[in-house]
Amino acid sequence: MVLALPLPIIFADQPLDLDDESQRALFHAGNRALMGRLYQESYDGVDAAVGRVLCGADRETVVHDLYLSVSRNCRGRAAAVARRAGCVARSVHG
């Protein structure tokens, strides 16, 4: 038996709003659906900005490295918070 928490639903017809507490929590957790929406909604602007400085393969590399970095950092922060919470819980209940 596999136990899993239900995934929150992110509706495509609603704009992405990282000021919304639930969406921000999903962002920090590295939620795949939210990260996909972030990519889709911001790609053109990011690509245009990088395109002012770089072109060709360098442009593509920088754009995709940016999204990869954001994704990794979100998951890393969530894991670090979980580790710290575990340490605090152990020290309090230890």
PDB file of N, CA and C in Angstrom:
ATOM      1  N   MET A   1       0.839  -1.168   0.000  1.00  0.00           N
ATOM      2  CA  MET A   1       0.000   0.000   0.000  1.00  0.00           C
ATOM      3  C   MET A   1       0.895   1.244   0.000  1.00  0.00           C
ATOM      4  N   VAL A   2       0.554   2.175  -0.836  1.00  0.00           N
ATOM      5  CA  VAL A   2       1.299   3.435  -0.921  1.00  0.00           C
ATOM      6  C   VAL A   2       0.440   4.530  -0.329  1.00  0.00           C
ATOM      7  N   LEU A   3       0.987   5.220   0.637  1.00  0.00           N
ATOM      8  CA  LEU A   3       0.281   6.349   1.245  1.00  0.00           C
ATOM      9  C   LEU A   3       0.894   7.634   0.737  1.00  0.00           C
ATOM     10  N   ALA A   4       0.054   8.547   0.320  1.00  0.00           N
ATOM     11  CA  ALA A   4       0.556   9.824  -0.189  1.00  0.00           C
ATOM     12  C   ALA A   4      -0.418  10.926   0.194  1.00  0.00           C
ATOM     13  N   LEU A   5       0.122  12.089   0.372  1.00  0.00           N
ATOM     14  CA  LEU A   5      -0.727  13.248   0.625  1.00  0.00           C
ATOM     15  C   LEU A   5      -1.373  13.675  -0.680  1.00  0.00           C
ATOM     16  N   PRO A   6      -2.620  14.135  -0.642  1.00  0.00           N
ATOM     17  CA  PRO A   6      -3.246  14.611  -1.876  1.00  0.00           C
ATOM     18  C   PRO A   6      -2.514  15.845  -2.392  1.00  0.00           C
ATOM     19  N   LEU A   7      -2.378  15.912  -3.693  1.00  0.00           N
ATOM     20  CA  LEU A   7      -1.734  17.079  -4.296  1.00  0.00           C
ATOM     21  C   LEU A   7      -2.739  18.204  -4.427  1.00  0.00           C
ATOM     22  N   PRO A   8      -2.345  19.426  -4.105  1.00  0.00           N
ATOM     23  CA  PRO A   8      -3.259  20.553  -4.271  1.00  0.00           C
ATOM     24  C   PRO A   8      -3.501  20.792  -5.755  1.00  0.00           C
ATOM     25  N   ILE A   9      -4.677  21.257  -6.053  1.00  0.00           N
ATOM     26  CA  ILE A   9      -5.043  21.526  -7.441  1.00  0.00           C
ATOM     27  C   ILE A   9      -4.676  22.967  -7.772  1.00  0.00           C
ATOM     28  N   ILE A  10      -4.016  23.139  -8.903  1.00  0.00           N
ATOM     29  CA  ILE A  10      -3.663  24.476  -9.380  1.00  0.00           C
ATOM     30  C   ILE A  10      -4.428  24.676 -10.679  1.00  0.00           C
ATOM     31  N   PHE A  11      -5.366  25.601 -10.677  1.00  0.00           N
ATOM     32  CA  PHE A  11      -6.192  25.816 -11.845  1.00  0.00           C
ATOM     33  C   PHE A  11      -5.490  26.712 -12.852  1.00  0.00           C
ATOM     34  N   ALA A  12      -5.462  26.250 -14.108  1.00  0.00           N
ATOM     35  CA  ALA A  12      -4.765  26.980 -15.170  1.00  0.00           C
ATOM     36  C   ALA A  12      -5.470  28.285 -15.526  1.00  0.00           C
ATOM     37  N   ASP A  13      -6.770  28.390 -15.225  1.00  0.00           N
ATOM     38  CA  ASP A  13      -7.481  29.615 -15.586  1.00  0.00           C
ATOM     39  C   ASP A  13      -7.279  30.734 -14.568  1.00  0.00           C
ATOM     40  N   GLN A  14      -6.606  30.420 -13.459  1.00  0.00           N
ATOM     41  CA  GLN A  14      -6.291  31.431 -12.457  1.00  0.00           C
ATOM     42  C   GLN A  14      -4.846  31.861 -12.626  1.00  0.00           C
ATOM     43  N   PRO A  15      -4.568  33.161 -12.558  1.00  0.00           N
ATOM     44  CA  PRO A  15      -3.181  33.600 -12.705  1.00  0.00           C
ATOM     45  C   PRO A  15      -2.314  33.109 -11.551  1.00  0.00           C
ATOM     46  N   LEU A  16      -1.078  32.830 -11.866  1.00  0.00           N
ATOM     47  CA  LEU A  16      -0.117  32.429 -10.849  1.00  0.00           C
ATOM     48  C   LEU A  16       0.151  33.637  -9.958  1.00  0.00           C
ATOM     49  N   ASP A  17       0.044  33.458  -8.651  1.00  0.00           N
ATOM     50  CA  ASP A  17       0.196  34.563  -7.708  1.00  0.00           C
ATOM     51  C   ASP A  17       1.018  34.091  -6.517  1.00  0.00           C
ATOM     52  N   LEU A  18       2.317  34.385  -6.525  1.00  0.00           N
ATOM     53  CA  LEU A  18       3.182  33.927  -5.442  1.00  0.00           C
ATOM     54  C   LEU A  18       2.998  34.747  -4.161  1.00  0.00           C
ATOM     55  N   ASP A  19       2.122  35.759  -4.199  1.00  0.00           N
ATOM     56  CA  ASP A  19       1.746  36.451  -2.966  1.00  0.00           C
ATOM     57  C   ASP A  19       0.694  35.637  -2.210  1.00  0.00           C
ATOM     58  N   ASP A  20       0.030  34.713  -2.918  1.00  0.00           N
ATOM     59  CA  ASP A  20      -0.936  33.821  -2.290  1.00  0.00           C
ATOM     60  C   ASP A  20      -0.171  32.793  -1.452  1.00  0.00           C
ATOM     61  N   GLU A  21      -0.543  32.681  -0.183  1.00  0.00           N
ATOM     62  CA  GLU A  21       0.207  31.842   0.755  1.00  0.00           C
ATOM     63  C   GLU A  21       0.274  30.381   0.305  1.00  0.00           C
ATOM     64  N   SER A  22      -0.830  29.835  -0.200  1.00  0.00           N
ATOM     65  CA  SER A  22      -0.822  28.421  -0.603  1.00  0.00           C
ATOM     66  C   SER A  22       0.054  28.203  -1.832  1.00  0.00           C
ATOM     67  N   GLN A  23       0.015  29.137  -2.793  1.00  0.00           N
ATOM     68  CA  GLN A  23       0.869  28.999  -3.974  1.00  0.00           C
ATOM     69  C   GLN A  23       2.334  29.193  -3.617  1.00  0.00           C
ATOM     70  N   ARG A  24       2.613  30.105  -2.698  1.00  0.00           N
ATOM     71  CA  ARG A  24       3.994  30.322  -2.262  1.00  0.00           C
ATOM     72  C   ARG A  24       4.536  29.071  -1.564  1.00  0.00           C
ATOM     73  N   ALA A  25       3.691  28.417  -0.774  1.00  0.00           N
ATOM     74  CA  ALA A  25       4.102  27.176  -0.100  1.00  0.00           C
ATOM     75  C   ALA A  25       4.406  26.093  -1.134  1.00  0.00           C
ATOM     76  N   LEU A  26       3.585  26.006  -2.164  1.00  0.00           N
ATOM     77  CA  LEU A  26       3.832  25.030  -3.228  1.00  0.00           C
ATOM     78  C   LEU A  26       5.129  25.348  -3.963  1.00  0.00           C
ATOM     79  N   PHE A  27       5.392  26.634  -4.178  1.00  0.00           N
ATOM     80  CA  PHE A  27       6.631  27.061  -4.826  1.00  0.00           C
ATOM     81  C   PHE A  27       7.836  26.617  -4.006  1.00  0.00           C
ATOM     82  N   HIS A  28       7.805  26.886  -2.708  1.00  0.00           N
ATOM     83  CA  HIS A  28       8.930  26.535  -1.840  1.00  0.00           C
ATOM     84  C   HIS A  28       9.107  25.033  -1.703  1.00  0.00           C
ATOM     85  N   ALA A  29       8.020  24.294  -1.903  1.00  0.00           N
ATOM     86  CA  ALA A  29       8.107  22.829  -1.862  1.00  0.00           C
ATOM     87  C   ALA A  29       8.580  22.259  -3.198  1.00  0.00           C
ATOM     88  N   GLY A  30       8.684  23.116  -4.219  1.00  0.00           N
ATOM     89  CA  GLY A  30       9.112  22.647  -5.536  1.00  0.00           C
ATOM     90  C   GLY A  30       8.034  21.858  -6.255  1.00  0.00           C
ATOM     91  N   ASN A  31       6.759  22.171  -5.998  1.00  0.00           N
ATOM     92  CA  ASN A  31       5.637  21.475  -6.616  1.00  0.00           C
ATOM     93  C   ASN A  31       5.762  21.504  -8.137  1.00  0.00           C
ATOM     94  N   ARG A  32       5.736  20.325  -8.749  1.00  0.00           N
ATOM     95  CA  ARG A  32       5.954  20.220 -10.200  1.00  0.00           C
ATOM     96  C   ARG A  32       4.930  20.995 -11.020  1.00  0.00           C
ATOM     97  N   ALA A  33       3.664  20.895 -10.640  1.00  0.00           N
ATOM     98  CA  ALA A  33       2.619  21.588 -11.400  1.00  0.00           C
ATOM     99  C   ALA A  33       2.807  23.098 -11.332  1.00  0.00           C
ATOM    100  N   LEU A  34       3.094  23.606 -10.146  1.00  0.00           N
ATOM    101  CA  LEU A  34       3.294  25.042 -10.002  1.00  0.00           C
ATOM    102  C   LEU A  34       4.557  25.485 -10.738  1.00  0.00           C
ATOM    103  N   MET A  35       5.638  24.710 -10.632  1.00  0.00           N
ATOM    104  CA  MET A  35       6.874  25.075 -11.331  1.00  0.00           C
ATOM    105  C   MET A  35       6.655  25.069 -12.844  1.00  0.00           C
ATOM    106  N   GLY A  36       5.843  24.133 -13.321  1.00  0.00           N
ATOM    107  CA  GLY A  36       5.511  24.100 -14.750  1.00  0.00           C
ATOM    108  C   GLY A  36       4.756  25.334 -15.176  1.00  0.00           C
ATOM    109  N   ARG A  37       3.790  25.743 -14.352  1.00  0.00           N
ATOM    110  CA  ARG A  37       3.046  26.978 -14.645  1.00  0.00           C
ATOM    111  C   ARG A  37       3.955  28.187 -14.624  1.00  0.00           C
ATOM    112  N   LEU A  38       4.852  28.247 -13.644  1.00  0.00           N
ATOM    113  CA  LEU A  38       5.791  29.352 -13.555  1.00  0.00           C
ATOM    114  C   LEU A  38       6.624  29.432 -14.831  1.00  0.00           C
ATOM    115  N   TYR A  39       7.111  28.287 -15.281  1.00  0.00           N
ATOM    116  CA  TYR A  39       7.901  28.225 -16.515  1.00  0.00           C
ATOM    117  C   TYR A  39       7.080  28.728 -17.698  1.00  0.00           C
ATOM    118  N   GLN A  40       5.876  28.202 -17.841  1.00  0.00           N
ATOM    119  CA  GLN A  40       5.030  28.572 -18.981  1.00  0.00           C
ATOM    120  C   GLN A  40       4.666  30.049 -18.974  1.00  0.00           C
ATOM    121  N   GLU A  41       4.367  30.582 -17.793  1.00  0.00           N
ATOM    122  CA  GLU A  41       3.914  31.972 -17.723  1.00  0.00           C
ATOM    123  C   GLU A  41       5.046  32.987 -17.787  1.00  0.00           C
ATOM    124  N   SER A  42       6.263  32.582 -17.459  1.00  0.00           N
ATOM    125  CA  SER A  42       7.348  33.561 -17.422  1.00  0.00           C
ATOM    126  C   SER A  42       8.414  33.345 -18.495  1.00  0.00           C
ATOM    127  N   TYR A  43       8.332  32.250 -19.236  1.00  0.00           N
ATOM    128  CA  TYR A  43       9.379  31.920 -20.184  1.00  0.00           C
ATOM    129  C   TYR A  43       9.628  33.029 -21.207  1.00  0.00           C
ATOM    130  N   ASP A  44       8.587  33.531 -21.823  1.00  0.00           N
ATOM    131  CA  ASP A  44       8.769  34.543 -22.881  1.00  0.00           C
ATOM    132  C   ASP A  44       9.508  35.774 -22.360  1.00  0.00           C
ATOM    133  N   GLY A  45       9.148  36.236 -21.169  1.00  0.00           N
ATOM    134  CA  GLY A  45       9.808  37.410 -20.598  1.00  0.00           C
ATOM    135  C   GLY A  45      11.261  37.144 -20.240  1.00  0.00           C
ATOM    136  N   VAL A  46      11.512  35.965 -19.644  1.00  0.00           N
ATOM    137  CA  VAL A  46      12.887  35.609 -19.278  1.00  0.00           C
ATOM    138  C   VAL A  46      13.735  35.446 -20.530  1.00  0.00           C
ATOM    139  N   ASP A  47      13.193  34.770 -21.529  1.00  0.00           N
ATOM    140  CA  ASP A  47      13.921  34.553 -22.778  1.00  0.00           C
ATOM    141  C   ASP A  47      14.235  35.885 -23.469  1.00  0.00           C
ATOM    142  N   ALA A  48      13.287  36.795 -23.465  1.00  0.00           N
ATOM    143  CA  ALA A  48      13.517  38.107 -24.083  1.00  0.00           C
ATOM    144  C   ALA A  48      14.604  38.882 -23.345  1.00  0.00           C
ATOM    145  N   ALA A  49      14.569  38.830 -22.012  1.00  0.00           N
ATOM    146  CA  ALA A  49      15.575  39.553 -21.222  1.00  0.00           C
ATOM    147  C   ALA A  49      16.970  38.986 -21.459  1.00  0.00           C
ATOM    148  N   VAL A  50      17.100  37.675 -21.441  1.00  0.00           N
ATOM    149  CA  VAL A  50      18.405  37.052 -21.677  1.00  0.00           C
ATOM    150  C   VAL A  50      18.832  37.297 -23.124  1.00  0.00           C
ATOM    151  N   GLY A  51      17.864  37.318 -24.033  1.00  0.00           N
ATOM    152  CA  GLY A  51      18.152  37.542 -25.445  1.00  0.00           C
ATOM    153  C   GLY A  51      18.714  38.919 -25.751  1.00  0.00           C
ATOM    154  N   ARG A  52      18.570  39.853 -24.841  1.00  0.00           N
ATOM    155  CA  ARG A  52      19.166  41.180 -25.039  1.00  0.00           C
ATOM    156  C   ARG A  52      20.681  41.132 -24.882  1.00  0.00           C
ATOM    157  N   VAL A  53      21.160  40.091 -24.186  1.00  0.00           N
ATOM    158  CA  VAL A  53      22.590  39.992 -23.888  1.00  0.00           C
ATOM    159  C   VAL A  53      23.251  38.828 -24.624  1.00  0.00           C
ATOM    160  N   LEU A  54      22.531  37.714 -24.769  1.00  0.00           N
ATOM    161  CA  LEU A  54      23.096  36.501 -25.370  1.00  0.00           C
ATOM    162  C   LEU A  54      22.238  36.024 -26.531  1.00  0.00           C
ATOM    163  N   CYS A  55      22.816  35.178 -27.370  1.00  0.00           N
ATOM    164  CA  CYS A  55      22.039  34.597 -28.459  1.00  0.00           C
ATOM    165  C   CYS A  55      22.411  33.119 -28.634  1.00  0.00           C
ATOM    166  N   GLY A  56      21.611  32.432 -29.429  1.00  0.00           N
ATOM    167  CA  GLY A  56      21.888  31.036 -29.758  1.00  0.00           C
ATOM    168  C   GLY A  56      21.866  30.109 -28.559  1.00  0.00           C
ATOM    169  N   ALA A  57      22.808  29.164 -28.582  1.00  0.00           N
ATOM    170  CA  ALA A  57      22.873  28.144 -27.532  1.00  0.00           C
ATOM    171  C   ALA A  57      23.146  28.746 -26.159  1.00  0.00           C
ATOM    172  N   ASP A  58      23.937  29.814 -26.106  1.00  0.00           N
ATOM    173  CA  ASP A  58      24.215  30.457 -24.811  1.00  0.00           C
ATOM    174  C   ASP A  58      22.927  30.993 -24.194  1.00  0.00           C
ATOM    175  N   ARG A  59      22.103  31.591 -25.030  1.00  0.00           N
ATOM    176  CA  ARG A  59      20.815  32.134 -24.566  1.00  0.00           C
ATOM    177  C   ARG A  59      19.952  31.010 -23.995  1.00  0.00           C
ATOM    178  N   GLU A  60      19.805  29.927 -24.743  1.00  0.00           N
ATOM    179  CA  GLU A  60      18.983  28.796 -24.299  1.00  0.00           C
ATOM    180  C   GLU A  60      19.522  28.191 -23.013  1.00  0.00           C
ATOM    181  N   THR A  61      20.836  28.066 -22.935  1.00  0.00           N
ATOM    182  CA  THR A  61      21.464  27.469 -21.749  1.00  0.00           C
ATOM    183  C   THR A  61      21.192  28.307 -20.512  1.00  0.00           C
ATOM    184  N   VAL A  62      21.376  29.613 -20.622  1.00  0.00           N
ATOM    185  CA  VAL A  62      21.170  30.496 -19.470  1.00  0.00           C
ATOM    186  C   VAL A  62      19.706  30.474 -19.029  1.00  0.00           C
ATOM    187  N   VAL A  63      18.790  30.527 -19.979  1.00  0.00           N
ATOM    188  CA  VAL A  63      17.364  30.517 -19.633  1.00  0.00           C
ATOM    189  C   VAL A  63      17.008  29.227 -18.892  1.00  0.00           C
ATOM    190  N   HIS A  64      17.414  28.094 -19.420  1.00  0.00           N
ATOM    191  CA  HIS A  64      17.040  26.831 -18.785  1.00  0.00           C
ATOM    192  C   HIS A  64      17.815  26.584 -17.488  1.00  0.00           C
ATOM    193  N   ASP A  65      19.041  27.053 -17.417  1.00  0.00           N
ATOM    194  CA  ASP A  65      19.790  26.939 -16.155  1.00  0.00           C
ATOM    195  C   ASP A  65      19.124  27.758 -15.048  1.00  0.00           C
ATOM    196  N   LEU A  66      18.548  28.896 -15.409  1.00  0.00           N
ATOM    197  CA  LEU A  66      17.849  29.713 -14.429  1.00  0.00           C
ATOM    198  C   LEU A  66      16.681  28.935 -13.823  1.00  0.00           C
ATOM    199  N   TYR A  67      15.859  28.321 -14.678  1.00  0.00           N
ATOM    200  CA  TYR A  67      14.715  27.559 -14.174  1.00  0.00           C
ATOM    201  C   TYR A  67      15.156  26.336 -13.382  1.00  0.00           C
ATOM    202  N   LEU A  68      16.213  25.683 -13.820  1.00  0.00           N
ATOM    203  CA  LEU A  68      16.731  24.532 -13.087  1.00  0.00           C
ATOM    204  C   LEU A  68      17.218  24.963 -11.705  1.00  0.00           C
ATOM    205  N   SER A  69      17.900  26.089 -11.647  1.00  0.00           N
ATOM    206  CA  SER A  69      18.403  26.607 -10.378  1.00  0.00           C
ATOM    207  C   SER A  69      17.253  26.950  -9.430  1.00  0.00           C
ATOM    208  N   VAL A  70      16.220  27.583  -9.942  1.00  0.00           N
ATOM    209  CA  VAL A  70      15.055  27.928  -9.115  1.00  0.00           C
ATOM    210  C   VAL A  70      14.424  26.652  -8.573  1.00  0.00           C
ATOM    211  N   SER A  71      14.263  25.663  -9.426  1.00  0.00           N
ATOM    212  CA  SER A  71      13.654  24.402  -9.009  1.00  0.00           C
ATOM    213  C   SER A  71      14.485  23.708  -7.941  1.00  0.00           C
ATOM    214  N   ARG A  72      15.779  23.623  -8.152  1.00  0.00           N
ATOM    215  CA  ARG A  72      16.660  22.967  -7.179  1.00  0.00           C
ATOM    216  C   ARG A  72      16.680  23.718  -5.853  1.00  0.00           C
ATOM    217  N   ASN A  73      16.742  25.035  -5.915  1.00  0.00           N
ATOM    218  CA  ASN A  73      16.793  25.828  -4.686  1.00  0.00           C
ATOM    219  C   ASN A  73      15.511  25.691  -3.881  1.00  0.00           C
ATOM    220  N   CYS A  74      14.366  25.620  -4.555  1.00  0.00           N
ATOM    221  CA  CYS A  74      13.093  25.464  -3.843  1.00  0.00           C
ATOM    222  C   CYS A  74      13.067  24.134  -3.117  1.00  0.00           C
ATOM    223  N   ARG A  75      13.437  23.070  -3.792  1.00  0.00           N
ATOM    224  CA  ARG A  75      13.428  21.745  -3.162  1.00  0.00           C
ATOM    225  C   ARG A  75      14.466  21.682  -2.049  1.00  0.00           C
ATOM    226  N   GLY A  76      15.605  22.317  -2.266  1.00  0.00           N
ATOM    227  CA  GLY A  76      16.654  22.322  -1.247  1.00  0.00           C
ATOM    228  C   GLY A  76      16.217  23.058   0.005  1.00  0.00           C
ATOM    229  N   ARG A  77      15.531  24.194  -0.169  1.00  0.00           N
ATOM    230  CA  ARG A  77      15.033  24.948   0.982  1.00  0.00           C
ATOM    231  C   ARG A  77      13.990  24.137   1.736  1.00  0.00           C
ATOM    232  N   ALA A  78      13.104  23.475   1.005  1.00  0.00           N
ATOM    233  CA  ALA A  78      12.061  22.677   1.664  1.00  0.00           C
ATOM    234  C   ALA A  78      12.693  21.542   2.464  1.00  0.00           C
ATOM    235  N   ALA A  79      13.706  20.894   1.905  1.00  0.00           N
ATOM    236  CA  ALA A  79      14.381  19.802   2.614  1.00  0.00           C
ATOM    237  C   ALA A  79      15.108  20.333   3.846  1.00  0.00           C
ATOM    238  N   ALA A  80      15.737  21.489   3.722  1.00  0.00           N
ATOM    239  CA  ALA A  80      16.459  22.075   4.853  1.00  0.00           C
ATOM    240  C   ALA A  80      15.492  22.447   5.974  1.00  0.00           C
ATOM    241  N   VAL A  81      14.364  23.004   5.621  1.00  0.00           N
ATOM    242  CA  VAL A  81      13.357  23.359   6.627  1.00  0.00           C
ATOM    243  C   VAL A  81      12.873  22.097   7.331  1.00  0.00           C
ATOM    244  N   ALA A  82      12.629  21.034   6.570  1.00  0.00           N
ATOM    245  CA  ALA A  82      12.174  19.772   7.175  1.00  0.00           C
ATOM    246  C   ALA A  82      13.228  19.207   8.115  1.00  0.00           C
ATOM    247  N   ARG A  83      14.506  19.285   7.713  1.00  0.00           N
ATOM    248  CA  ARG A  83      15.579  18.790   8.581  1.00  0.00           C
ATOM    249  C   ARG A  83      15.643  19.603   9.872  1.00  0.00           C
ATOM    250  N   ARG A  84      15.551  20.931   9.733  1.00  0.00           N
ATOM    251  CA  ARG A  84      15.593  21.783  10.929  1.00  0.00           C
ATOM    252  C   ARG A  84      14.411  21.505  11.844  1.00  0.00           C
ATOM    253  N   ALA A  85      13.246  21.314  11.262  1.00  0.00           N
ATOM    254  CA  ALA A  85      12.062  21.018  12.066  1.00  0.00           C
ATOM    255  C   ALA A  85      12.236  19.701  12.796  1.00  0.00           C
ATOM    256  N   GLY A  86      12.846  18.717  12.136  1.00  0.00           N
ATOM    257  CA  GLY A  86      13.107  17.436  12.782  1.00  0.00           C
ATOM    258  C   GLY A  86      14.087  17.577  13.918  1.00  0.00           C
ATOM    259  N   CYS A  87      15.127  18.377  13.728  1.00  0.00           N
ATOM    260  CA  CYS A  87      16.113  18.617  14.789  1.00  0.00           C
ATOM    261  C   CYS A  87      15.479  19.297  15.996  1.00  0.00           C
ATOM    262  N   VAL A  88      14.635  20.290  15.715  1.00  0.00           N
ATOM    263  CA  VAL A  88      13.966  21.015  16.806  1.00  0.00           C
ATOM    264  C   VAL A  88      13.040  20.064  17.547  1.00  0.00           C
ATOM    265  N   ALA A  89      12.285  19.252  16.823  1.00  0.00           N
ATOM    266  CA  ALA A  89      11.362  18.316  17.461  1.00  0.00           C
ATOM    267  C   ALA A  89      12.112  17.319  18.331  1.00  0.00           C
ATOM    268  N   ARG A  90      13.253  16.824  17.842  1.00  0.00           N
ATOM    269  CA  ARG A  90      14.043  15.879  18.623  1.00  0.00           C
ATOM    270  C   ARG A  90      14.615  16.538  19.879  1.00  0.00           C
ATOM    271  N   SER A  91      15.055  17.792  19.747  1.00  0.00           N
ATOM    272  CA  SER A  91      15.633  18.456  20.922  1.00  0.00           C
ATOM    273  C   SER A  91      14.571  18.794  21.968  1.00  0.00           C
ATOM    274  N   VAL A  92      13.360  19.091  21.516  1.00  0.00           N
ATOM    275  CA  VAL A  92      12.283  19.422  22.447  1.00  0.00           C
ATOM    276  C   VAL A  92      11.752  18.164  23.126  1.00  0.00           C
ATOM    277  N   HIS A  93      11.602  17.097  22.321  1.00  0.00           N
ATOM    278  CA  HIS A  93      11.017  15.854  22.855  1.00  0.00           C
ATOM    279  C   HIS A  93      12.079  14.851  23.269  1.00  0.00           C
ATOM    280  N   GLY A  94      13.350  15.174  23.005  1.00  0.00           N
ATOM    281  CA  GLY A  94      14.482  14.301  23.161  1.00  0.00           C
ATOM    282  C   GLY A  94      14.705  13.662  24.431  1.00  0.00           C
TER     283      GLY A  94
END
